[in-house]
Amino acid sequence: MDNKTHKKDTKAKILCAAEKIFAEKGYHNTSLRDITSSAEVNIAAVNYHFGSKEKLFKELLKKRLNPINDIRMKLLEQIINKADSSNSLPDLREILKSFFDPVMDLMEKEQNSRQFIVILGAILHHPDLKLKKIFIQIIRPVAESYFKCICRALPEIDPEIILIRVQFALGVFHHGMNMLNRPFDKEDKVLNMLHGTIPENKIFKREIIDFMIKGIKGQ
Protein backbone atom coordinates (compact mmCIF):
# COMPACT_ATOMS: atom_id res chain seq x y z
CA MET A 1 0.00 0.00 0.00
CA ASP A 2 1.49 3.37 -0.99
CA ASN A 3 1.45 6.42 1.28
CA LYS A 4 -1.46 8.17 -0.50
CA THR A 5 -3.67 5.08 -0.25
CA HIS A 6 -2.79 4.66 3.42
CA LYS A 7 -3.71 8.30 4.18
CA LYS A 8 -6.99 7.94 2.28
CA ASP A 9 -7.87 4.76 4.16
CA THR A 10 -7.01 6.36 7.49
CA LYS A 11 -9.21 9.38 6.75
CA ALA A 12 -12.10 7.11 5.72
CA LYS A 13 -11.72 5.04 8.91
CA ILE A 14 -11.86 8.18 11.03
CA LEU A 15 -14.97 9.47 9.26
CA CYS A 16 -16.70 6.10 9.58
CA ALA A 17 -15.89 5.86 13.29
CA ALA A 18 -16.91 9.47 13.88
CA GLU A 19 -20.32 8.95 12.27
CA LYS A 20 -20.95 5.91 14.46
CA ILE A 21 -19.86 7.58 17.70
CA PHE A 22 -21.57 10.91 17.00
CA ALA A 23 -24.82 9.01 16.34
CA GLU A 24 -24.48 6.98 19.54
CA LYS A 25 -23.26 9.64 21.97
CA GLY A 26 -23.99 12.96 20.32
CA TYR A 27 -21.48 15.57 19.24
CA HIS A 28 -20.96 17.16 22.65
CA ASN A 29 -20.54 13.86 24.49
CA THR A 30 -18.02 12.52 21.99
CA SER A 31 -14.31 13.03 22.49
CA LEU A 32 -11.60 12.69 19.90
CA ARG A 33 -10.26 9.81 21.97
CA ASP A 34 -13.60 8.01 21.56
CA ILE A 35 -13.24 8.35 17.79
CA THR A 36 -9.58 7.39 17.58
CA SER A 37 -10.18 4.36 19.78
CA SER A 38 -12.99 3.17 17.51
CA ALA A 39 -11.01 3.91 14.35
CA GLU A 40 -7.85 2.39 15.83
CA VAL A 41 -5.74 5.44 14.96
CA ASN A 42 -3.93 8.00 17.09
CA ILE A 43 -4.89 11.60 17.87
CA ALA A 44 -2.17 12.84 15.54
CA ALA A 45 -4.00 11.24 12.60
CA VAL A 46 -7.18 13.20 13.38
CA ASN A 47 -5.23 16.43 13.76
CA TYR A 48 -3.42 15.78 10.48
CA HIS A 49 -6.53 15.05 8.41
CA PHE A 50 -9.05 17.38 10.09
CA GLY A 51 -7.43 19.65 12.67
CA SER A 52 -10.23 19.55 15.26
CA LYS A 53 -13.43 17.78 16.25
CA GLU A 54 -15.51 20.60 14.77
CA LYS A 55 -13.72 20.38 11.41
CA LEU A 56 -14.09 16.60 11.46
CA PHE A 57 -17.82 17.01 12.05
CA LYS A 58 -18.09 19.47 9.17
CA GLU A 59 -16.20 17.12 6.86
CA LEU A 60 -18.56 14.29 7.82
CA LEU A 61 -21.60 16.42 6.95
CA LYS A 62 -20.06 17.41 3.62
CA LYS A 63 -19.19 13.79 2.84
CA ARG A 64 -22.83 12.77 3.28
CA LEU A 65 -24.67 15.87 2.08
CA ASN A 66 -22.68 17.00 -0.96
CA PRO A 67 -23.48 13.93 -3.13
CA ILE A 68 -27.15 14.15 -2.12
CA ASN A 69 -27.26 17.88 -2.82
CA ASP A 70 -25.64 17.40 -6.23
CA ILE A 71 -28.42 14.98 -7.18
CA ARG A 72 -31.06 17.34 -5.82
CA MET A 73 -29.83 20.32 -7.79
CA LYS A 74 -29.67 18.36 -11.04
CA LEU A 75 -33.22 17.12 -10.55
CA LEU A 76 -34.46 20.59 -9.59
CA GLU A 77 -32.87 22.07 -12.69
CA GLN A 78 -34.76 19.53 -14.82
CA ILE A 79 -38.03 20.46 -13.10
CA ILE A 80 -37.46 24.17 -13.67
CA ASN A 81 -36.46 23.65 -17.31
CA LYS A 82 -39.57 21.55 -17.87
CA ALA A 83 -41.77 24.30 -16.42
CA ASP A 84 -40.02 26.98 -18.45
CA SER A 85 -40.30 25.08 -21.73
CA SER A 86 -44.00 24.43 -21.23
CA ASN A 87 -44.73 27.88 -19.78
CA SER A 88 -46.28 26.26 -16.71
CA LEU A 89 -45.78 26.15 -12.95
CA PRO A 90 -43.30 23.67 -11.48
CA ASP A 91 -44.99 20.56 -10.13
CA LEU A 92 -44.93 20.42 -6.31
CA ARG A 93 -44.85 16.61 -6.22
CA GLU A 94 -41.82 16.54 -8.48
CA ILE A 95 -40.10 19.20 -6.37
CA LEU A 96 -40.63 17.32 -3.11
CA LYS A 97 -39.66 13.97 -4.59
CA SER A 98 -36.44 15.43 -5.99
CA PHE A 99 -35.55 16.75 -2.53
CA PHE A 100 -36.51 13.75 -0.40
CA ASP A 101 -36.01 10.74 -2.70
CA PRO A 102 -32.18 10.93 -2.70
CA VAL A 103 -32.19 10.62 1.09
CA MET A 104 -34.66 7.73 1.06
CA ASP A 105 -32.66 6.00 -1.66
CA LEU A 106 -29.55 6.30 0.50
CA MET A 107 -31.41 4.82 3.47
CA GLU A 108 -32.47 1.82 1.39
CA LYS A 109 -29.06 1.21 -0.16
CA GLU A 110 -26.74 1.81 2.78
CA GLN A 111 -27.42 0.36 6.20
CA ASN A 112 -25.11 2.74 8.06
CA SER A 113 -26.92 5.77 6.66
CA ARG A 114 -29.35 5.59 9.61
CA GLN A 115 -26.53 6.87 11.79
CA PHE A 116 -26.38 10.01 9.69
CA ILE A 117 -30.15 10.55 10.02
CA VAL A 118 -29.72 10.40 13.81
CA ILE A 119 -26.96 13.01 13.60
CA LEU A 120 -29.13 15.31 11.47
CA GLY A 121 -31.93 15.00 14.00
CA ALA A 122 -29.56 15.98 16.79
CA ILE A 123 -28.39 19.02 14.84
CA LEU A 124 -31.94 20.21 14.21
CA HIS A 125 -33.13 19.72 17.79
CA HIS A 126 -30.05 20.65 19.84
CA PRO A 127 -29.99 24.27 21.14
CA ASP A 128 -26.31 24.68 20.15
CA LEU A 129 -26.32 27.07 17.18
CA LYS A 130 -22.72 26.21 16.27
CA LEU A 131 -23.74 22.85 14.81
CA LYS A 132 -26.75 24.35 13.04
CA LYS A 133 -24.51 26.99 11.44
CA ILE A 134 -22.21 24.28 10.08
CA PHE A 135 -25.20 22.43 8.65
CA ILE A 136 -26.79 25.60 7.23
CA GLN A 137 -23.55 26.61 5.55
CA ILE A 138 -23.61 23.36 3.59
CA ILE A 139 -27.33 23.19 2.85
CA ARG A 140 -28.11 26.91 2.30
CA PRO A 141 -27.74 27.10 -1.53
CA VAL A 142 -29.92 24.02 -1.98
CA ALA A 143 -32.51 25.13 0.57
CA GLU A 144 -32.81 28.58 -0.99
CA SER A 145 -33.24 27.12 -4.49
CA TYR A 146 -35.92 24.70 -3.33
CA PHE A 147 -37.84 27.29 -1.35
CA LYS A 148 -37.82 29.63 -4.34
CA CYS A 149 -39.11 26.85 -6.59
CA ILE A 150 -41.87 25.84 -4.14
CA CYS A 151 -43.00 29.48 -3.95
CA ARG A 152 -43.04 29.59 -7.75
CA ALA A 153 -45.16 26.43 -7.82
CA LEU A 154 -47.69 27.94 -5.40
CA PRO A 155 -48.01 31.64 -6.34
CA GLU A 156 -51.40 31.87 -4.63
CA ILE A 157 -49.90 31.21 -1.17
CA ASP A 158 -47.98 33.79 0.88
CA PRO A 159 -44.27 32.81 1.05
CA GLU A 160 -44.32 33.25 4.84
CA ILE A 161 -47.09 30.66 5.08
CA ILE A 162 -45.17 28.36 2.74
CA LEU A 163 -42.11 28.71 4.98
CA ILE A 164 -44.08 27.59 8.04
CA ARG A 165 -45.62 24.64 6.18
CA VAL A 166 -42.27 23.56 4.75
CA GLN A 167 -40.86 23.51 8.28
CA PHE A 168 -43.72 21.20 9.29
CA ALA A 169 -42.98 19.01 6.27
CA LEU A 170 -39.31 18.74 7.20
CA GLY A 171 -40.29 17.66 10.71
CA VAL A 172 -42.61 15.00 9.32
CA PHE A 173 -39.90 13.78 6.98
CA HIS A 174 -37.27 13.45 9.68
CA HIS A 175 -39.69 11.55 11.92
CA GLY A 176 -40.48 9.31 8.98
CA MET A 177 -36.82 8.61 8.32
CA ASN A 178 -36.52 7.18 11.82
CA MET A 179 -39.40 4.81 11.04
CA LEU A 180 -37.78 3.19 8.02
CA ASN A 181 -36.54 -0.39 8.38
CA ARG A 182 -37.87 -0.85 11.92
CA PRO A 183 -39.51 -4.24 12.65
CA PHE A 184 -43.23 -4.14 11.83
CA ASP A 185 -45.74 -6.09 13.92
CA LYS A 186 -48.81 -6.91 11.81
CA GLU A 187 -50.88 -7.73 14.90
CA ASP A 188 -50.07 -4.77 17.17
CA LYS A 189 -51.28 -1.55 15.59
CA VAL A 190 -50.80 0.48 18.79
CA LEU A 191 -47.16 -0.61 19.07
CA ASN A 192 -46.57 0.35 15.45
CA MET A 193 -48.20 3.73 15.97
CA LEU A 194 -46.31 4.63 19.15
CA HIS A 195 -42.97 3.04 18.24
CA GLY A 196 -43.09 4.43 14.72
CA THR A 197 -42.99 1.56 12.25
CA ILE A 198 -44.38 1.07 8.75
CA PRO A 199 -45.18 -2.07 6.72
CA GLU A 200 -43.15 -1.25 3.59
CA ASN A 201 -40.74 1.48 2.55
CA LYS A 202 -42.49 1.97 -0.80
CA ILE A 203 -45.76 2.69 1.02
CA PHE A 204 -43.96 5.20 3.21
CA LYS A 205 -42.41 6.97 0.22
CA ARG A 206 -45.79 7.36 -1.47
CA GLU A 207 -47.76 8.39 1.61
CA ILE A 208 -45.29 10.87 3.05
CA ILE A 209 -45.08 12.81 -0.22
CA ASP A 210 -48.88 12.87 -0.48
CA PHE A 211 -49.10 14.05 3.14
CA MET A 212 -46.56 16.83 2.64
CA ILE A 213 -48.20 18.05 -0.57
CA LYS A 214 -51.55 18.49 1.15
CA GLY A 215 -49.90 20.10 4.16
CA ILE A 216 -47.93 22.64 2.12
CA LYS A 217 -50.99 23.42 -0.02
CA GLY A 218 -53.14 23.71 3.11
CA GLN A 219 -55.70 21.19 1.94
Foldseek 3Di string as FASTA:
>chain_A
DDPVVVLVVLLVLLLLLLLVCCLVQNLVRDDSVSSCVNSVHDPVSCCVVQNDSLSSVLVSLCVPVVVLLVQLVVQLVVQVVVCVVVVHARDLLSLVCSNQVSLLVCVVPDVSCLSVLSRVVCLVPPPDCSSVVSNCVNCVVVVVSSLVSVCRNCVVDDSVLLVVLVVVLVVVSSLQSVQPPDDDDPVDPPCCVVVPHDDDPVVVSVVSSVVSVCSSVVD
